[in-house]
Amino acid sequence: MKLRKGEWFLIFFNLAYILAFSLYYLNIRNYEFLWYVFVLVFFFVLIGLTLRKTNFDYLVLWLLSIWGFLHMAGGGVWIGEGFWIFNGSGVLYSLEIVKLFSIGDTFVLKFDQFVHAFGFGATTIVAYSLIKPYLNSSTNYKIIYPALVSIAMGLGALNEIVEFVAVVAFPSTGVGGYYNTALDLVFNMVGSIIAIFVVHFYYRK
């Protein structure tokens, strides 16, 4: 498969951070995130092998690449006290962006929730890119838009299953409890709905 110049750069970017974080997680013996590295590599290979069939544009490829990077950084990069508005020390996923309100054993808004919104917004655009060749001028987008959100939400539920596997398989994880899981799903939906506006105003126009 002949790669374009921009695709070579994307491959280099992805391989660089996947390799760097793999070595980092091996060094600190974070086997939970080595599991996520394996999942990430699987999708990296899958997308690469099917790229000429899917015809993903650069926006989709960059969204997926940045999502992967944010996830790798979020679970293993430690932030100490005094960093920005971070209270205490912990992984980047616990970073307080702005504290809007507390709920259960967690709060809104933190880096983890932002990444969920970003990632499943990207997933929504991926879903649109995959079904776009089958759409035409008579397509009823009042059905397509909710269907895209539903696809993203379904994949978001699959992501929670992957996290559950990590909880079962590894003795110590940073996945969080019920409120964290519920907020993950909420922010998956928020990101997906925002992505619908991107589809409507960017791709369709």
Protein backbone atom coordinates (compact mmCIF):
# COMPACT_ATOMS: atom_id res chain seq x y z
CA MET A 1 0.00 0.00 0.00
CA LYS A 2 1.42 3.33 -1.08
CA LEU A 3 1.27 5.89 1.71
CA ARG A 4 0.85 9.62 1.31
CA LYS A 5 3.23 12.09 2.94
CA GLY A 6 0.75 13.05 5.64
CA GLU A 7 0.06 9.39 6.42
CA TRP A 8 3.76 8.72 6.98
CA PHE A 9 3.80 11.52 9.54
CA LEU A 10 0.76 10.04 11.29
CA ILE A 11 2.44 6.61 11.43
CA PHE A 12 5.59 8.14 12.91
CA PHE A 13 3.57 10.08 15.50
CA ASN A 14 1.62 6.99 16.58
CA LEU A 15 4.58 4.63 16.66
CA ALA A 16 6.64 7.19 18.61
CA TYR A 17 4.16 7.62 21.46
CA ILE A 18 3.12 3.93 21.53
CA LEU A 19 6.75 2.84 21.84
CA ALA A 20 7.57 5.55 24.40
CA PHE A 21 4.62 4.73 26.63
CA SER A 22 5.17 0.97 26.27
CA LEU A 23 8.72 1.35 27.59
CA TYR A 24 7.49 3.73 30.28
CA TYR A 25 4.77 1.37 31.52
CA LEU A 26 7.17 -1.58 31.45
CA ASN A 27 9.63 0.43 33.52
CA ILE A 28 7.07 1.38 36.18
CA ARG A 29 5.39 -2.08 35.94
CA ASN A 30 1.98 -0.65 35.11
CA TYR A 31 0.53 -3.78 33.55
CA GLU A 32 -2.96 -2.32 33.34
CA PHE A 33 -1.86 0.22 30.77
CA LEU A 34 0.25 -2.32 28.94
CA TRP A 35 -3.09 -4.03 28.34
CA TYR A 36 -4.39 -0.76 26.88
CA VAL A 37 -1.25 -0.52 24.72
CA PHE A 38 -2.14 -3.93 23.28
CA VAL A 39 -5.68 -2.73 22.49
CA LEU A 40 -4.29 0.45 20.94
CA VAL A 41 -1.84 -1.48 18.75
CA PHE A 42 -4.69 -3.73 17.58
CA PHE A 43 -6.71 -0.75 16.35
CA PHE A 44 -3.61 0.92 14.89
CA VAL A 45 -2.93 -2.17 12.75
CA LEU A 46 -6.63 -2.58 11.86
CA ILE A 47 -6.96 1.01 10.67
CA GLY A 48 -3.67 0.80 8.77
CA LEU A 49 -4.65 -2.38 6.92
CA THR A 50 -8.10 -1.08 5.96
CA LEU A 51 -7.17 2.55 5.23
CA ARG A 52 -7.70 2.30 1.47
CA LYS A 53 -11.12 0.76 2.03
CA THR A 54 -12.29 3.18 4.69
CA ASN A 55 -10.72 6.26 3.05
CA PHE A 56 -10.54 8.08 6.38
CA ASP A 57 -9.55 11.70 5.87
CA TYR A 58 -6.79 13.44 7.83
CA LEU A 59 -9.24 14.91 10.35
CA VAL A 60 -10.45 11.44 11.35
CA LEU A 61 -6.91 10.01 11.47
CA TRP A 62 -5.61 12.88 13.59
CA LEU A 63 -8.58 12.71 15.96
CA LEU A 64 -7.94 9.00 16.52
CA SER A 65 -4.19 9.54 16.91
CA ILE A 66 -4.61 12.34 19.45
CA TRP A 67 -7.19 10.29 21.35
CA GLY A 68 -4.71 7.42 21.63
CA PHE A 69 -2.00 9.78 22.87
CA LEU A 70 -4.29 11.41 25.44
CA HIS A 71 -5.34 8.00 26.76
CA MET A 72 -1.77 6.77 27.10
CA ALA A 73 -0.73 9.97 28.88
CA GLY A 74 -3.84 10.15 31.05
CA GLY A 75 -3.32 6.88 32.84
CA GLY A 76 0.38 6.97 33.54
CA VAL A 77 1.76 10.51 33.66
CA TRP A 78 1.88 11.66 37.27
CA ILE A 79 1.15 15.25 38.19
CA GLY A 80 2.39 16.62 41.49
CA GLU A 81 0.96 19.24 43.83
CA GLY A 82 1.13 22.83 42.62
CA PHE A 83 0.62 21.90 38.98
CA TRP A 84 -1.91 24.29 37.43
CA ILE A 85 -5.12 23.88 39.49
CA PHE A 86 -4.47 20.28 40.43
CA ASN A 87 -5.27 19.45 44.05
CA GLY A 88 -2.92 16.77 45.38
CA SER A 89 -0.96 14.32 43.31
CA GLY A 90 -2.14 11.62 40.91
CA VAL A 91 -2.31 10.60 37.29
CA LEU A 92 -3.22 13.07 34.56
CA TYR A 93 -6.69 11.54 34.27
CA SER A 94 -7.44 12.96 37.74
CA LEU A 95 -6.50 16.49 36.72
CA GLU A 96 -9.14 19.04 37.64
CA ILE A 97 -9.85 21.21 34.60
CA VAL A 98 -12.55 23.19 36.40
CA LYS A 99 -14.62 21.97 39.32
CA LEU A 100 -18.22 22.55 38.31
CA PHE A 101 -19.81 20.26 40.91
CA SER A 102 -19.19 17.13 42.99
CA ILE A 103 -21.16 13.91 42.55
CA GLY A 104 -20.72 10.73 44.56
CA ASP A 105 -17.03 9.99 44.96
CA THR A 106 -15.93 12.16 42.05
CA PHE A 107 -16.51 15.54 40.41
CA VAL A 108 -16.99 17.33 37.09
CA LEU A 109 -14.94 18.46 35.11
CA LYS A 110 -11.67 16.54 35.01
CA PHE A 111 -9.26 15.41 32.31
CA ASP A 112 -10.71 11.89 32.17
CA GLN A 113 -14.15 13.20 31.24
CA PHE A 114 -12.71 15.54 28.62
CA VAL A 115 -10.89 12.61 26.98
CA HIS A 116 -14.08 10.55 26.95
CA ALA A 117 -15.96 13.37 25.22
CA PHE A 118 -13.11 13.87 22.75
CA GLY A 119 -12.70 10.17 22.03
CA PHE A 120 -16.31 9.31 21.41
CA GLY A 121 -16.83 12.48 19.48
CA ALA A 122 -14.06 11.13 17.24
CA THR A 123 -15.82 7.75 17.19
CA THR A 124 -19.01 9.42 15.95
CA ILE A 125 -17.13 11.01 13.05
CA VAL A 126 -15.50 7.65 12.28
CA ALA A 127 -18.95 6.04 12.16
CA TYR A 128 -20.17 8.75 9.77
CA SER A 129 -17.12 8.28 7.54
CA LEU A 130 -17.83 4.55 7.32
CA ILE A 131 -21.50 4.93 6.34
CA LYS A 132 -21.07 8.05 4.18
CA PRO A 133 -20.60 6.10 0.89
CA TYR A 134 -24.07 4.59 1.41
CA LEU A 135 -25.83 7.93 1.92
CA ASN A 136 -27.40 10.05 -0.81
CA SER A 137 -29.57 13.11 -1.32
CA SER A 138 -32.70 11.27 -0.16
CA THR A 139 -31.13 10.15 3.14
CA ASN A 140 -33.14 11.16 6.20
CA TYR A 141 -30.55 12.63 8.56
CA LYS A 142 -33.14 12.84 11.34
CA ILE A 143 -32.56 9.09 11.56
CA ILE A 144 -28.85 9.09 10.75
CA TYR A 145 -27.82 11.51 13.49
CA PRO A 146 -29.44 9.56 16.38
CA ALA A 147 -28.05 6.36 14.84
CA LEU A 148 -24.52 7.82 14.90
CA VAL A 149 -24.89 8.78 18.55
CA SER A 150 -26.20 5.28 19.31
CA ILE A 151 -23.21 3.69 17.56
CA ALA A 152 -20.81 5.83 19.59
CA MET A 153 -22.67 5.03 22.81
CA GLY A 154 -22.51 1.31 22.02
CA LEU A 155 -18.76 1.51 21.43
CA GLY A 156 -18.50 3.53 24.64
CA ALA A 157 -20.16 0.65 26.49
CA LEU A 158 -17.64 -1.72 24.87
CA ASN A 159 -14.87 0.54 26.18
CA GLU A 160 -16.27 0.18 29.70
CA ILE A 161 -16.17 -3.61 29.26
CA VAL A 162 -12.48 -3.31 28.32
CA GLU A 163 -11.94 -1.29 31.50
CA PHE A 164 -13.85 -3.91 33.48
CA VAL A 165 -11.52 -6.61 32.11
CA ALA A 166 -8.61 -4.51 33.40
CA VAL A 167 -10.24 -4.27 36.84
CA VAL A 168 -10.73 -8.04 36.99
CA ALA A 169 -7.30 -8.93 35.59
CA PHE A 170 -5.09 -6.51 37.51
CA PRO A 171 -5.01 -6.03 41.28
CA SER A 172 -4.80 -2.23 41.26
CA THR A 173 -6.35 0.05 38.64
CA GLY A 174 -7.40 3.68 38.43
CA VAL A 175 -10.68 2.96 36.67
CA GLY A 176 -12.90 4.26 39.47
CA GLY A 177 -16.33 3.26 40.76
CA TYR A 178 -19.98 3.52 39.73
CA TYR A 179 -20.12 7.31 39.47
CA ASN A 180 -16.97 7.36 37.37
CA THR A 181 -18.42 4.78 34.95
CA ALA A 182 -21.73 6.62 34.72
CA LEU A 183 -19.99 9.95 34.04
CA ASP A 184 -17.83 8.28 31.39
CA LEU A 185 -21.02 7.28 29.56
CA VAL A 186 -22.51 10.75 29.97
CA PHE A 187 -19.43 12.43 28.52
CA ASN A 188 -19.31 9.86 25.71
CA MET A 189 -22.78 11.10 24.75
CA VAL A 190 -21.83 14.77 25.14
CA GLY A 191 -18.84 14.31 22.83
CA SER A 192 -20.95 12.38 20.34
CA ILE A 193 -23.60 15.10 20.19
CA ILE A 194 -20.93 17.77 19.65
CA ALA A 195 -19.53 15.63 16.82
CA ILE A 196 -22.96 15.62 15.14
CA PHE A 197 -22.58 19.38 14.70
CA VAL A 198 -19.16 18.78 13.11
CA VAL A 199 -20.74 16.29 10.71
CA HIS A 200 -23.57 18.67 9.90
CA PHE A 201 -21.64 21.91 9.48
CA TYR A 202 -18.27 20.58 8.26
CA TYR A 203 -18.78 17.36 6.33
CA ARG A 204 -22.25 17.95 4.91
CA LYS A 205 -21.68 21.60 3.99
